[in-house]
Amino acid sequence: MSLAAVLTQTLMPKIGGGRIPAADLLMAGDGARQQVRTNALQHLNQENTFTRKQGSFTLERLLDLGR
């Protein structure tokens, strides 16, 4: 129950040079906690869509919004 969220960050190339930070955020619900407990980490991306209302987002979704 101590897992509240999972955040990953990376630096992406910026148009015109330099880099810009980009991130994924998974707000941990019961499903995500169960996936971590059972080491079924391949299913965490699916949990991200289930917890979108709680604030979860993916890097891919953020990049799509920027188009």
C-alpha atoms as a PDB file:
ATOM      1  CA  MET A   1       0.000   0.000   0.000  1.00  0.00           C
ATOM      2  CA  SER A   2       3.000   2.337   0.180  1.00  0.00           C
ATOM      3  CA  LEU A   3       3.321   2.642  -3.614  1.00  0.00           C
ATOM      4  CA  ALA A   4       1.549   5.868  -4.597  1.00  0.00           C
ATOM      5  CA  ALA A   5       2.900   6.565  -8.094  1.00  0.00           C
ATOM      6  CA  VAL A   6       5.570   5.624 -10.607  1.00  0.00           C
ATOM      7  CA  LEU A   7       7.306   8.429 -12.503  1.00  0.00           C
ATOM      8  CA  THR A   8       9.791   7.987 -15.327  1.00  0.00           C
ATOM      9  CA  GLN A   9      11.621  10.836 -16.998  1.00  0.00           C
ATOM     10  CA  THR A  10      13.797  11.190 -20.069  1.00  0.00           C
ATOM     11  CA  LEU A  11      15.358  13.979 -22.081  1.00  0.00           C
ATOM     12  CA  MET A  12      14.069  14.297 -25.644  1.00  0.00           C
ATOM     13  CA  PRO A  13      15.743  16.187 -28.499  1.00  0.00           C
ATOM     14  CA  LYS A  14      14.192  19.611 -28.970  1.00  0.00           C
ATOM     15  CA  ILE A  15      13.456  21.121 -32.372  1.00  0.00           C
ATOM     16  CA  GLY A  16      16.083  23.775 -32.931  1.00  0.00           C
ATOM     17  CA  GLY A  17      18.616  22.076 -30.663  1.00  0.00           C
ATOM     18  CA  GLY A  18      18.935  21.210 -27.028  1.00  0.00           C
ATOM     19  CA  ARG A  19      16.779  18.869 -25.013  1.00  0.00           C
ATOM     20  CA  ILE A  20      13.434  18.983 -23.214  1.00  0.00           C
ATOM     21  CA  PRO A  21      12.243  16.780 -20.323  1.00  0.00           C
ATOM     22  CA  ALA A  22       9.451  14.286 -20.985  1.00  0.00           C
ATOM     23  CA  ALA A  23       7.736  11.947 -18.523  1.00  0.00           C
ATOM     24  CA  ASP A  24       5.291   9.135 -17.835  1.00  0.00           C
ATOM     25  CA  LEU A  25       3.255   9.141 -14.615  1.00  0.00           C
ATOM     26  CA  LEU A  26       1.300   6.161 -13.295  1.00  0.00           C
ATOM     27  CA  MET A  27      -0.892   6.852 -10.304  1.00  0.00           C
ATOM     28  CA  ALA A  28      -0.857   3.526  -8.485  1.00  0.00           C
ATOM     29  CA  GLY A  29      -4.264   2.006  -7.923  1.00  0.00           C
ATOM     30  CA  ASP A  30      -5.030  -1.475  -6.667  1.00  0.00           C
ATOM     31  CA  GLY A  31      -4.454  -2.976 -10.124  1.00  0.00           C
ATOM     32  CA  ALA A  32      -1.009  -1.410 -10.530  1.00  0.00           C
ATOM     33  CA  ARG A  33       0.021  -2.517  -7.054  1.00  0.00           C
ATOM     34  CA  GLN A  34      -1.050  -6.081  -7.874  1.00  0.00           C
ATOM     35  CA  GLN A  35       0.948  -6.007 -11.134  1.00  0.00           C
ATOM     36  CA  VAL A  36       4.065  -4.913  -9.236  1.00  0.00           C
ATOM     37  CA  ARG A  37       3.538  -7.553  -6.516  1.00  0.00           C
ATOM     38  CA  THR A  38       3.230 -10.344  -9.091  1.00  0.00           C
ATOM     39  CA  ASN A  39       6.055  -8.957 -11.286  1.00  0.00           C
ATOM     40  CA  ALA A  40       3.649  -8.557 -14.241  1.00  0.00           C
ATOM     41  CA  LEU A  41       5.216  -5.245 -15.208  1.00  0.00           C
ATOM     42  CA  GLN A  42       4.288  -5.650 -18.878  1.00  0.00           C
ATOM     43  CA  HIS A  43       0.698  -4.798 -17.887  1.00  0.00           C
ATOM     44  CA  LEU A  44       1.473  -1.465 -16.228  1.00  0.00           C
ATOM     45  CA  ASN A  45       0.878   0.497 -19.442  1.00  0.00           C
ATOM     46  CA  GLN A  46      -2.716  -0.787 -19.441  1.00  0.00           C
ATOM     47  CA  GLU A  47      -3.105   0.355 -15.826  1.00  0.00           C
ATOM     48  CA  ASN A  48      -2.099   3.834 -16.977  1.00  0.00           C
ATOM     49  CA  THR A  49      -5.277   4.103 -19.060  1.00  0.00           C
ATOM     50  CA  PHE A  50      -7.394   2.937 -16.110  1.00  0.00           C
ATOM     51  CA  THR A  51      -5.972   5.626 -13.803  1.00  0.00           C
ATOM     52  CA  ARG A  52      -6.011   8.544 -16.253  1.00  0.00           C
ATOM     53  CA  LYS A  53      -8.739  10.314 -14.234  1.00  0.00           C
ATOM     54  CA  GLN A  54      -6.448  10.184 -11.189  1.00  0.00           C
ATOM     55  CA  GLY A  55      -3.730  12.009 -13.133  1.00  0.00           C
ATOM     56  CA  SER A  56      -1.797   9.298 -14.988  1.00  0.00           C
ATOM     57  CA  PHE A  57      -0.309  10.131 -18.380  1.00  0.00           C
ATOM     58  CA  THR A  58       2.082   8.592 -20.870  1.00  0.00           C
ATOM     59  CA  LEU A  59       4.900  10.131 -22.841  1.00  0.00           C
ATOM     60  CA  GLU A  60       3.227   9.051 -26.074  1.00  0.00           C
ATOM     61  CA  ARG A  61      -0.004  10.837 -25.140  1.00  0.00           C
ATOM     62  CA  LEU A  62       1.853  14.031 -24.266  1.00  0.00           C
ATOM     63  CA  LEU A  63       3.701  13.943 -27.582  1.00  0.00           C
ATOM     64  CA  ASP A  64       0.399  13.443 -29.448  1.00  0.00           C
ATOM     65  CA  LEU A  65      -1.119  16.464 -27.665  1.00  0.00           C
ATOM     66  CA  GLY A  66       1.828  18.584 -28.773  1.00  0.00           C
ATOM     67  CA  ARG A  67       1.163  18.007 -32.479  1.00  0.00           C
END
